[in-house]
Structure formats: structure tokens, C-alpha cells
Amino acid sequence: MNEALTVLRWLVEAGADEAIGEVPVDRYAEAARPVIAVPTPAAAPTRAPAVTGLAEAPIPAPAAALQSARALAAAARSVAELKEALDAFDGCTLKRTATRLVFADGNPEAKVMLIGEAPGADEDRAGLPFVGVSGQLLDRMLGAIGLDRRSAYITNVIFWRPPGNRQPTPAEIATCLPFVERHIELAMPEILVLVGGASAKTLLARSDGITKLRGHWLSYESAGMSRPVPAMPTYHPAFLLRQPAQKREAWRDWLAIAARLATIN
């Protein structure tokens, strides 16, 4: 029983949180079986399905979705209005499979704004970013330099959980980006912490990996900002849980953030 629970816990942490069959299937045995060709019967004429209720609203085409995202984001005059705009936005396909919107956590008036990649299963259930195991590590890193969720502001570049915790697609990131950019403009932090490669490459428009970007102060700016904001890319806590030897490098990043913050205070 303990062994079964251990295996189940490992599967959940790996992102396998949905069962698709009642019994396991030996795919190796299936691959070894000879394939027998079966003639395909002529397809019967298709009929439109009967309408049994209200049909789901169609997802806009990518160009239309991006245009809608830009218009809704630009119209927001506060963080609260931006959240309302995201609640009403139907242009991202991830909204169809996610449980709820994961917008932000912490203090929107904080000097430090952290931006990660995308919600996971825990975040999807709670509706808050970084609340799972990696979020607990992030809280400890914040605490190590005297910050917490009352003195920092936390969000992601994606606002809905990708199914199975897969990587967001470039189209999904592009659709959410106008809201992320407007989010930064409205919060107007003194320091941006870009948590993980997806966040750093998206917001800095760089192709370098996080290993090259981390540890260097870079600059983020957009048309709606009165000044550029210093940005520090650093490793994602989920990566550090898989590669604990890299915590030493991440600690250097956080010390640099603390030193920069001390000059602002």
C-alpha cells in the first residue's frame, strides 16, 4: 500500500493528474504484434450534430484573438480592471481546459514583481500562482532576502494551466502577452524578477537560455511605461527542485536582487 501511494505521489508531482483508462496497457507488447490491414468501409454521409443546448462560443482565430487581447489590455486602467478583462477574454484556448483563471498574488504596489511561466495543477485549483511545491521554495527564497507575499507581487506569462502541465505554445504566449505587458505597466515595479527561461525570453525578446541570461541585470521597457525597469532573470524553483546543485547560482541572483532593492529603499 505504501509503495502504491509513493508511485501515485510521484505521478502527480510529474504532472500526470488525469486517468485515461481503467487498466494499464502494455505498449511494448502492442508494438510487437503484427499489424493486419483491415479494409476501411466507405464513410457514411455525415450529418450536423443536433443542438441540445447553448453552443460554446467559438475560439477566435489567432490574429483576431491577439487583436482582442490588445484592445482589452489597453482599455484596463487598473490591475482590478485588467483581471476583469482577462475573465471576459475567450481568445486563449487554455481557458477551455483550465479550472480557473490564475491572475496574481501578493501586493500589486510592491517594489518587486515576479513573473513565472504558467500555472500548474495546484495553482489551477487554488487560482493563485506558485502555491505548489515550487511555490513553497519560492516563498523560502523570498523570505531569505526579507520579502514575502505582502511585499512582493507574483504572476505568470500564462494565466491558465496548460493541460498536463505541458509547455505553453508560442501562440498561447503571444495571445497572453498584451495582458502581461499591461500588467507590468499598471503595477510599475522598481524591479522585475523573471522566473525561468520562458518568462525571461518572452519579456526580454531574447533567444538565449536561462543559464546565459540569469545573474545579469537587463532592462525591460514598453511603450506604456514612463521608464525602463531593471530585470533579473533567475532559475525557476521547479528547475531547482530537479537540479538542487544550481541553488547556489540562484542564491547569487537573489542576493543581487536584495542589494538592488536596498538602494531603492
C-alpha atoms as a PDB file:
ATOM      1  CA  MET A   1       0.000   0.000   0.000  1.00  0.00           C
ATOM      2  CA  ASN A   2       2.819   2.407   0.908  1.00  0.00           C
ATOM      3  CA  GLU A   3       4.565   1.578  -2.367  1.00  0.00           C
ATOM      4  CA  ALA A   4       1.394   2.355  -4.347  1.00  0.00           C
ATOM      5  CA  LEU A   5       0.994   5.693  -2.581  1.00  0.00           C
ATOM      6  CA  THR A   6       4.627   6.546  -3.324  1.00  0.00           C
ATOM      7  CA  VAL A   7       4.157   5.791  -7.022  1.00  0.00           C
ATOM      8  CA  LEU A   8       0.914   7.811  -7.121  1.00  0.00           C
ATOM      9  CA  ARG A   9       2.588  10.783  -5.428  1.00  0.00           C
ATOM     10  CA  TRP A  10       5.453  10.623  -7.934  1.00  0.00           C
ATOM     11  CA  LEU A  11       2.998  10.595 -10.860  1.00  0.00           C
ATOM     12  CA  VAL A  12       1.093  13.617  -9.504  1.00  0.00           C
ATOM     13  CA  GLU A  13       4.309  15.600  -8.988  1.00  0.00           C
ATOM     14  CA  ALA A  14       5.326  14.716 -12.551  1.00  0.00           C
ATOM     15  CA  GLY A  15       2.083  16.234 -13.840  1.00  0.00           C
ATOM     16  CA  ALA A  16       0.127  13.021 -14.560  1.00  0.00           C
ATOM     17  CA  ASP A  17      -3.045  14.093 -12.815  1.00  0.00           C
ATOM     18  CA  GLU A  18      -5.659  12.537 -15.117  1.00  0.00           C
ATOM     19  CA  ALA A  19      -6.533   8.860 -15.634  1.00  0.00           C
ATOM     20  CA  ILE A  20      -7.408   7.831 -19.202  1.00  0.00           C
ATOM     21  CA  GLY A  21      -8.115   4.127 -18.676  1.00  0.00           C
ATOM     22  CA  GLU A  22      -9.300   1.658 -16.073  1.00  0.00           C
ATOM     23  CA  VAL A  23      -6.394  -0.794 -16.527  1.00  0.00           C
ATOM     24  CA  PRO A  24      -2.744  -0.319 -17.585  1.00  0.00           C
ATOM     25  CA  VAL A  25      -1.796  -1.087 -21.184  1.00  0.00           C
ATOM     26  CA  ASP A  26       1.473  -2.797 -22.130  1.00  0.00           C
ATOM     27  CA  ARG A  27       2.517  -0.681 -25.114  1.00  0.00           C
ATOM     28  CA  TYR A  28       5.654  -2.781 -25.672  1.00  0.00           C
ATOM     29  CA  ALA A  29       3.533  -5.901 -26.180  1.00  0.00           C
ATOM     30  CA  GLU A  30       1.252  -3.986 -28.544  1.00  0.00           C
ATOM     31  CA  ALA A  31       4.226  -2.846 -30.616  1.00  0.00           C
ATOM     32  CA  ALA A  32       5.386  -6.446 -31.020  1.00  0.00           C
ATOM     33  CA  ARG A  33       2.083  -7.654 -32.500  1.00  0.00           C
ATOM     34  CA  PRO A  34       1.832  -7.933 -36.299  1.00  0.00           C
ATOM     35  CA  VAL A  35      -0.258  -5.221 -37.913  1.00  0.00           C
ATOM     36  CA  ILE A  36      -3.151  -6.593 -40.005  1.00  0.00           C
ATOM     37  CA  ALA A  37      -4.602  -4.283 -42.592  1.00  0.00           C
ATOM     38  CA  VAL A  38      -8.385  -4.067 -42.434  1.00  0.00           C
ATOM     39  CA  PRO A  39     -10.314  -2.628 -45.386  1.00  0.00           C
ATOM     40  CA  THR A  40     -11.902   0.663 -44.494  1.00  0.00           C
ATOM     41  CA  PRO A  41     -15.605   0.818 -45.332  1.00  0.00           C
ATOM     42  CA  ALA A  42     -16.922   3.760 -47.274  1.00  0.00           C
ATOM     43  CA  ALA A  43     -17.673   6.634 -44.956  1.00  0.00           C
ATOM     44  CA  ALA A  44     -21.347   7.285 -44.372  1.00  0.00           C
ATOM     45  CA  PRO A  45     -22.629  10.763 -45.113  1.00  0.00           C
ATOM     46  CA  THR A  46     -22.064  12.988 -42.116  1.00  0.00           C
ATOM     47  CA  ARG A  47     -24.882  14.914 -40.511  1.00  0.00           C
ATOM     48  CA  ALA A  48     -24.612  18.001 -38.426  1.00  0.00           C
ATOM     49  CA  PRO A  49     -24.985  17.195 -34.710  1.00  0.00           C
ATOM     50  CA  ALA A  50     -28.274  18.095 -33.131  1.00  0.00           C
ATOM     51  CA  VAL A  51     -28.237  21.196 -30.986  1.00  0.00           C
ATOM     52  CA  THR A  52     -29.014  20.110 -27.434  1.00  0.00           C
ATOM     53  CA  GLY A  53     -28.251  23.337 -25.653  1.00  0.00           C
ATOM     54  CA  LEU A  54     -26.265  26.526 -25.924  1.00  0.00           C
ATOM     55  CA  ALA A  55     -23.242  26.027 -28.158  1.00  0.00           C
ATOM     56  CA  GLU A  56     -19.843  27.056 -26.856  1.00  0.00           C
ATOM     57  CA  ALA A  57     -18.580  30.357 -28.219  1.00  0.00           C
ATOM     58  CA  PRO A  58     -16.011  29.724 -30.949  1.00  0.00           C
ATOM     59  CA  ILE A  59     -12.375  30.495 -30.191  1.00  0.00           C
ATOM     60  CA  PRO A  60     -11.324  33.472 -32.329  1.00  0.00           C
ATOM     61  CA  ALA A  61      -8.646  32.967 -34.965  1.00  0.00           C
ATOM     62  CA  PRO A  62      -5.124  33.778 -33.617  1.00  0.00           C
ATOM     63  CA  ALA A  63      -4.961  37.185 -35.324  1.00  0.00           C
ATOM     64  CA  ALA A  64      -8.427  38.133 -34.079  1.00  0.00           C
ATOM     65  CA  ALA A  65      -7.621  36.827 -30.591  1.00  0.00           C
ATOM     66  CA  LEU A  66      -4.427  38.880 -30.463  1.00  0.00           C
ATOM     67  CA  GLN A  67      -6.257  41.998 -31.618  1.00  0.00           C
ATOM     68  CA  SER A  68      -8.921  41.454 -28.968  1.00  0.00           C
ATOM     69  CA  ALA A  69      -6.270  40.896 -26.284  1.00  0.00           C
ATOM     70  CA  ARG A  70      -4.512  44.129 -27.175  1.00  0.00           C
ATOM     71  CA  ALA A  71      -7.745  46.116 -27.109  1.00  0.00           C
ATOM     72  CA  LEU A  72      -8.914  44.692 -23.784  1.00  0.00           C
ATOM     73  CA  ALA A  73      -5.499  45.104 -22.148  1.00  0.00           C
ATOM     74  CA  ALA A  74      -5.088  48.699 -23.342  1.00  0.00           C
ATOM     75  CA  ALA A  75      -8.529  49.626 -22.015  1.00  0.00           C
ATOM     76  CA  ALA A  76      -7.691  48.481 -18.461  1.00  0.00           C
ATOM     77  CA  ARG A  77      -6.901  51.405 -16.173  1.00  0.00           C
ATOM     78  CA  SER A  78      -6.127  49.389 -13.045  1.00  0.00           C
ATOM     79  CA  VAL A  79      -4.950  45.929 -12.031  1.00  0.00           C
ATOM     80  CA  ALA A  80      -8.528  45.091 -10.994  1.00  0.00           C
ATOM     81  CA  GLU A  81      -9.851  46.116 -14.422  1.00  0.00           C
ATOM     82  CA  LEU A  82      -7.162  44.020 -16.102  1.00  0.00           C
ATOM     83  CA  LYS A  83      -8.284  40.960 -14.141  1.00  0.00           C
ATOM     84  CA  GLU A  84     -11.882  41.615 -15.189  1.00  0.00           C
ATOM     85  CA  ALA A  85     -10.745  41.878 -18.816  1.00  0.00           C
ATOM     86  CA  LEU A  86      -8.989  38.517 -18.576  1.00  0.00           C
ATOM     87  CA  ASP A  87     -12.079  36.960 -17.020  1.00  0.00           C
ATOM     88  CA  ALA A  88     -14.058  38.110 -20.056  1.00  0.00           C
ATOM     89  CA  PHE A  89     -11.410  37.160 -22.629  1.00  0.00           C
ATOM     90  CA  ASP A  90     -12.123  33.977 -24.621  1.00  0.00           C
ATOM     91  CA  GLY A  91      -9.282  34.163 -27.123  1.00  0.00           C
ATOM     92  CA  CYS A  92      -6.934  31.713 -25.398  1.00  0.00           C
ATOM     93  CA  THR A  93      -7.737  28.019 -25.893  1.00  0.00           C
ATOM     94  CA  LEU A  94      -6.253  27.186 -22.483  1.00  0.00           C
ATOM     95  CA  LYS A  95      -9.279  28.773 -20.833  1.00  0.00           C
ATOM     96  CA  ARG A  96     -11.413  25.884 -22.134  1.00  0.00           C
ATOM     97  CA  THR A  97      -9.413  23.218 -20.252  1.00  0.00           C
ATOM     98  CA  ALA A  98      -8.365  25.112 -17.119  1.00  0.00           C
ATOM     99  CA  THR A  99     -10.381  25.155 -13.904  1.00  0.00           C
ATOM    100  CA  ARG A 100      -9.960  28.864 -13.253  1.00  0.00           C
ATOM    101  CA  LEU A 101      -8.003  31.980 -14.093  1.00  0.00           C
ATOM    102  CA  VAL A 102      -4.676  32.298 -12.254  1.00  0.00           C
ATOM    103  CA  PHE A 103      -4.053  36.031 -12.247  1.00  0.00           C
ATOM    104  CA  ALA A 104      -1.707  37.150  -9.481  1.00  0.00           C
ATOM    105  CA  ASP A 105      -0.888  37.052  -5.777  1.00  0.00           C
ATOM    106  CA  GLY A 106       0.709  39.475  -3.370  1.00  0.00           C
ATOM    107  CA  ASN A 107       0.831  43.249  -3.295  1.00  0.00           C
ATOM    108  CA  PRO A 108       0.353  44.984  -6.686  1.00  0.00           C
ATOM    109  CA  GLU A 109       2.025  48.091  -5.231  1.00  0.00           C
ATOM    110  CA  ALA A 110       5.172  46.204  -4.206  1.00  0.00           C
ATOM    111  CA  LYS A 111       8.565  47.286  -5.479  1.00  0.00           C
ATOM    112  CA  VAL A 112       9.368  43.760  -6.671  1.00  0.00           C
ATOM    113  CA  MET A 113       7.280  41.963  -9.312  1.00  0.00           C
ATOM    114  CA  LEU A 114       7.963  38.288 -10.084  1.00  0.00           C
ATOM    115  CA  ILE A 115       6.808  36.749 -13.370  1.00  0.00           C
ATOM    116  CA  GLY A 116       6.904  32.993 -13.904  1.00  0.00           C
ATOM    117  CA  GLU A 117       5.773  30.762 -16.750  1.00  0.00           C
ATOM    118  CA  ALA A 118       2.369  29.103 -16.298  1.00  0.00           C
ATOM    119  CA  PRO A 119       0.120  27.667 -13.581  1.00  0.00           C
ATOM    120  CA  GLY A 120       0.379  24.014 -12.599  1.00  0.00           C
ATOM    121  CA  ALA A 121      -2.255  21.710 -11.132  1.00  0.00           C
ATOM    122  CA  ASP A 122      -2.052  23.222  -7.624  1.00  0.00           C
ATOM    123  CA  GLU A 123      -2.304  26.747  -8.984  1.00  0.00           C
ATOM    124  CA  ASP A 124      -5.225  25.783 -11.204  1.00  0.00           C
ATOM    125  CA  ARG A 125      -7.152  24.517  -8.178  1.00  0.00           C
ATOM    126  CA  ALA A 126      -6.287  27.487  -5.952  1.00  0.00           C
ATOM    127  CA  GLY A 127      -6.498  30.231  -8.577  1.00  0.00           C
ATOM    128  CA  LEU A 128      -3.164  31.652  -7.334  1.00  0.00           C
ATOM    129  CA  PRO A 129       0.362  31.448  -8.786  1.00  0.00           C
ATOM    130  CA  PHE A 130       3.184  29.489  -7.147  1.00  0.00           C
ATOM    131  CA  VAL A 131       1.274  27.637  -4.429  1.00  0.00           C
ATOM    132  CA  GLY A 132       2.578  24.106  -5.050  1.00  0.00           C
ATOM    133  CA  VAL A 133       5.925  22.598  -4.104  1.00  0.00           C
ATOM    134  CA  SER A 134       7.862  25.042  -6.303  1.00  0.00           C
ATOM    135  CA  GLY A 135       5.863  27.890  -4.778  1.00  0.00           C
ATOM    136  CA  GLN A 136       6.928  26.813  -1.306  1.00  0.00           C
ATOM    137  CA  LEU A 137      10.558  27.005  -2.420  1.00  0.00           C
ATOM    138  CA  LEU A 138       9.910  30.433  -3.930  1.00  0.00           C
ATOM    139  CA  ASP A 139       8.454  31.592  -0.610  1.00  0.00           C
ATOM    140  CA  ARG A 140      11.624  30.436   1.170  1.00  0.00           C
ATOM    141  CA  MET A 141      13.821  32.285  -1.339  1.00  0.00           C
ATOM    142  CA  LEU A 142      11.764  35.437  -0.871  1.00  0.00           C
ATOM    143  CA  GLY A 143      11.976  35.053   2.893  1.00  0.00           C
ATOM    144  CA  ALA A 144      15.756  34.684   2.706  1.00  0.00           C
ATOM    145  CA  ILE A 145      16.034  38.293   1.455  1.00  0.00           C
ATOM    146  CA  GLY A 146      13.333  39.689   3.722  1.00  0.00           C
ATOM    147  CA  LEU A 147      10.357  39.517   1.343  1.00  0.00           C
ATOM    148  CA  ASP A 148       7.035  37.691   1.406  1.00  0.00           C
ATOM    149  CA  ARG A 149       3.726  37.782  -0.465  1.00  0.00           C
ATOM    150  CA  ARG A 150       2.779  41.033   1.218  1.00  0.00           C
ATOM    151  CA  SER A 151       5.931  42.789  -0.025  1.00  0.00           C
ATOM    152  CA  ALA A 152       6.167  41.210  -3.490  1.00  0.00           C
ATOM    153  CA  TYR A 153       3.804  40.763  -6.437  1.00  0.00           C
ATOM    154  CA  ILE A 154       3.667  37.447  -8.302  1.00  0.00           C
ATOM    155  CA  THR A 155       2.179  36.480 -11.673  1.00  0.00           C
ATOM    156  CA  ASN A 156       2.938  34.459 -14.844  1.00  0.00           C
ATOM    157  CA  VAL A 157       3.182  34.980 -18.600  1.00  0.00           C
ATOM    158  CA  ILE A 158       0.311  32.474 -18.988  1.00  0.00           C
ATOM    159  CA  PHE A 159      -2.899  32.865 -16.967  1.00  0.00           C
ATOM    160  CA  TRP A 160      -4.441  29.404 -17.445  1.00  0.00           C
ATOM    161  CA  ARG A 161      -2.943  25.986 -16.842  1.00  0.00           C
ATOM    162  CA  PRO A 162      -1.775  24.100 -19.962  1.00  0.00           C
ATOM    163  CA  PRO A 163      -3.235  20.548 -19.935  1.00  0.00           C
ATOM    164  CA  GLY A 164      -0.933  18.073 -18.222  1.00  0.00           C
ATOM    165  CA  ASN A 165       1.450  20.913 -17.311  1.00  0.00           C
ATOM    166  CA  ARG A 166       2.855  20.884 -20.850  1.00  0.00           C
ATOM    167  CA  GLN A 167       4.895  23.801 -22.164  1.00  0.00           C
ATOM    168  CA  PRO A 168       2.778  26.712 -23.433  1.00  0.00           C
ATOM    169  CA  THR A 169       2.831  27.093 -27.210  1.00  0.00           C
ATOM    170  CA  PRO A 170       4.221  30.254 -28.863  1.00  0.00           C
ATOM    171  CA  ALA A 171       0.657  31.135 -29.944  1.00  0.00           C
ATOM    172  CA  GLU A 172      -0.633  30.855 -26.363  1.00  0.00           C
ATOM    173  CA  ILE A 173       2.200  33.018 -25.057  1.00  0.00           C
ATOM    174  CA  ALA A 174       1.647  35.618 -27.793  1.00  0.00           C
ATOM    175  CA  THR A 175      -2.079  35.780 -27.019  1.00  0.00           C
ATOM    176  CA  CYS A 176      -1.468  36.397 -23.312  1.00  0.00           C
ATOM    177  CA  LEU A 177       1.458  38.786 -23.812  1.00  0.00           C
ATOM    178  CA  PRO A 178      -0.589  42.023 -24.196  1.00  0.00           C
ATOM    179  CA  PHE A 179      -2.131  41.356 -20.771  1.00  0.00           C
ATOM    180  CA  VAL A 180       1.288  40.642 -19.237  1.00  0.00           C
ATOM    181  CA  GLU A 181       2.767  43.826 -20.672  1.00  0.00           C
ATOM    182  CA  ARG A 182      -0.188  45.879 -19.443  1.00  0.00           C
ATOM    183  CA  HIS A 183       0.092  44.163 -16.058  1.00  0.00           C
ATOM    184  CA  ILE A 184       3.671  45.405 -15.705  1.00  0.00           C
ATOM    185  CA  GLU A 185       2.699  48.901 -16.838  1.00  0.00           C
ATOM    186  CA  LEU A 186      -0.077  49.117 -14.251  1.00  0.00           C
ATOM    187  CA  ALA A 187       1.992  47.692 -11.385  1.00  0.00           C
ATOM    188  CA  MET A 188       5.083  49.690 -12.416  1.00  0.00           C
ATOM    189  CA  PRO A 189       7.515  47.884 -10.089  1.00  0.00           C
ATOM    190  CA  GLU A 190      11.035  49.042  -9.274  1.00  0.00           C
ATOM    191  CA  ILE A 191      12.463  45.570 -10.029  1.00  0.00           C
ATOM    192  CA  LEU A 192      11.314  42.708 -12.231  1.00  0.00           C
ATOM    193  CA  VAL A 193      12.336  39.147 -11.374  1.00  0.00           C
ATOM    194  CA  LEU A 194      11.861  36.907 -14.416  1.00  0.00           C
ATOM    195  CA  VAL A 195      11.449  33.421 -13.004  1.00  0.00           C
ATOM    196  CA  GLY A 196      12.512  30.816 -15.548  1.00  0.00           C
ATOM    197  CA  GLY A 197      13.542  30.774 -19.191  1.00  0.00           C
ATOM    198  CA  ALA A 198      10.073  31.185 -20.714  1.00  0.00           C
ATOM    199  CA  SER A 199       9.427  34.394 -18.791  1.00  0.00           C
ATOM    200  CA  ALA A 200      12.879  35.841 -19.451  1.00  0.00           C
ATOM    201  CA  LYS A 201      12.940  35.069 -23.176  1.00  0.00           C
ATOM    202  CA  THR A 202       9.369  36.296 -23.708  1.00  0.00           C
ATOM    203  CA  LEU A 203       9.645  39.620 -21.918  1.00  0.00           C
ATOM    204  CA  LEU A 204      13.214  40.434 -22.927  1.00  0.00           C
ATOM    205  CA  ALA A 205      12.748  39.213 -26.530  1.00  0.00           C
ATOM    206  CA  ARG A 206      15.920  37.145 -26.229  1.00  0.00           C
ATOM    207  CA  SER A 207      16.717  33.714 -27.617  1.00  0.00           C
ATOM    208  CA  ASP A 208      19.402  32.903 -25.030  1.00  0.00           C
ATOM    209  CA  GLY A 209      18.635  30.217 -22.487  1.00  0.00           C
ATOM    210  CA  ILE A 210      18.145  30.974 -18.810  1.00  0.00           C
ATOM    211  CA  THR A 211      21.659  29.698 -17.989  1.00  0.00           C
ATOM    212  CA  LYS A 212      23.134  32.569 -20.006  1.00  0.00           C
ATOM    213  CA  LEU A 213      20.549  35.180 -19.008  1.00  0.00           C
ATOM    214  CA  ARG A 214      20.458  34.594 -15.261  1.00  0.00           C
ATOM    215  CA  GLY A 215      22.599  36.645 -12.947  1.00  0.00           C
ATOM    216  CA  HIS A 216      22.688  39.678 -15.255  1.00  0.00           C
ATOM    217  CA  TRP A 217      20.762  42.887 -14.805  1.00  0.00           C
ATOM    218  CA  LEU A 218      18.893  43.590 -18.023  1.00  0.00           C
ATOM    219  CA  SER A 219      16.295  46.196 -18.901  1.00  0.00           C
ATOM    220  CA  TYR A 220      12.592  45.825 -19.618  1.00  0.00           C
ATOM    221  CA  GLU A 221      10.578  48.601 -21.228  1.00  0.00           C
ATOM    222  CA  SER A 222       7.357  49.074 -23.159  1.00  0.00           C
ATOM    223  CA  ALA A 223       5.535  51.917 -24.867  1.00  0.00           C
ATOM    224  CA  GLY A 224       3.165  52.398 -21.939  1.00  0.00           C
ATOM    225  CA  MET A 225       5.917  52.856 -19.336  1.00  0.00           C
ATOM    226  CA  SER A 226       7.493  56.146 -18.330  1.00  0.00           C
ATOM    227  CA  ARG A 227      10.849  54.469 -17.611  1.00  0.00           C
ATOM    228  CA  PRO A 228      12.591  51.137 -18.132  1.00  0.00           C
ATOM    229  CA  VAL A 229      12.628  48.637 -15.275  1.00  0.00           C
ATOM    230  CA  PRO A 230      15.735  46.660 -14.249  1.00  0.00           C
ATOM    231  CA  ALA A 231      15.073  42.943 -14.706  1.00  0.00           C
ATOM    232  CA  MET A 232      16.887  39.977 -13.181  1.00  0.00           C
ATOM    233  CA  PRO A 233      16.327  36.572 -14.814  1.00  0.00           C
ATOM    234  CA  THR A 234      16.762  33.627 -12.468  1.00  0.00           C
ATOM    235  CA  TYR A 235      16.099  29.904 -12.319  1.00  0.00           C
ATOM    236  CA  HIS A 236      12.541  28.652 -11.834  1.00  0.00           C
ATOM    237  CA  PRO A 237      12.005  26.894  -8.471  1.00  0.00           C
ATOM    238  CA  ALA A 238      10.736  23.795 -10.317  1.00  0.00           C
ATOM    239  CA  PHE A 239      14.120  23.580 -12.065  1.00  0.00           C
ATOM    240  CA  LEU A 240      15.941  23.976  -8.748  1.00  0.00           C
ATOM    241  CA  LEU A 241      13.935  21.115  -7.269  1.00  0.00           C
ATOM    242  CA  ARG A 242      15.177  18.920 -10.129  1.00  0.00           C
ATOM    243  CA  GLN A 243      18.705  20.365 -10.067  1.00  0.00           C
ATOM    244  CA  PRO A 244      19.437  21.323  -6.436  1.00  0.00           C
ATOM    245  CA  ALA A 245      23.113  21.919  -7.235  1.00  0.00           C
ATOM    246  CA  GLN A 246      22.015  25.094  -9.071  1.00  0.00           C
ATOM    247  CA  LYS A 247      20.590  26.627  -5.900  1.00  0.00           C
ATOM    248  CA  ARG A 248      23.992  28.205  -5.250  1.00  0.00           C
ATOM    249  CA  GLU A 249      23.762  30.181  -8.505  1.00  0.00           C
ATOM    250  CA  ALA A 250      20.144  31.123  -7.789  1.00  0.00           C
ATOM    251  CA  TRP A 251      21.177  32.371  -4.343  1.00  0.00           C
ATOM    252  CA  ARG A 252      23.636  34.761  -6.010  1.00  0.00           C
ATOM    253  CA  ASP A 253      20.769  36.121  -8.103  1.00  0.00           C
ATOM    254  CA  TRP A 254      18.634  36.716  -5.028  1.00  0.00           C
ATOM    255  CA  LEU A 255      21.491  38.420  -3.207  1.00  0.00           C
ATOM    256  CA  ALA A 256      21.859  40.763  -6.191  1.00  0.00           C
ATOM    257  CA  ILE A 257      18.128  41.466  -6.044  1.00  0.00           C
ATOM    258  CA  ALA A 258      18.347  42.238  -2.322  1.00  0.00           C
ATOM    259  CA  ALA A 259      21.308  44.571  -2.885  1.00  0.00           C
ATOM    260  CA  ARG A 260      19.497  46.417  -5.675  1.00  0.00           C
ATOM    261  CA  LEU A 261      16.360  46.685  -3.568  1.00  0.00           C
ATOM    262  CA  ALA A 262      18.369  48.170  -0.680  1.00  0.00           C
ATOM    263  CA  THR A 263      19.473  51.042  -2.907  1.00  0.00           C
ATOM    264  CA  ILE A 264      15.821  51.801  -3.739  1.00  0.00           C
ATOM    265  CA  ASN A 265      14.555  51.688  -0.162  1.00  0.00           C
END
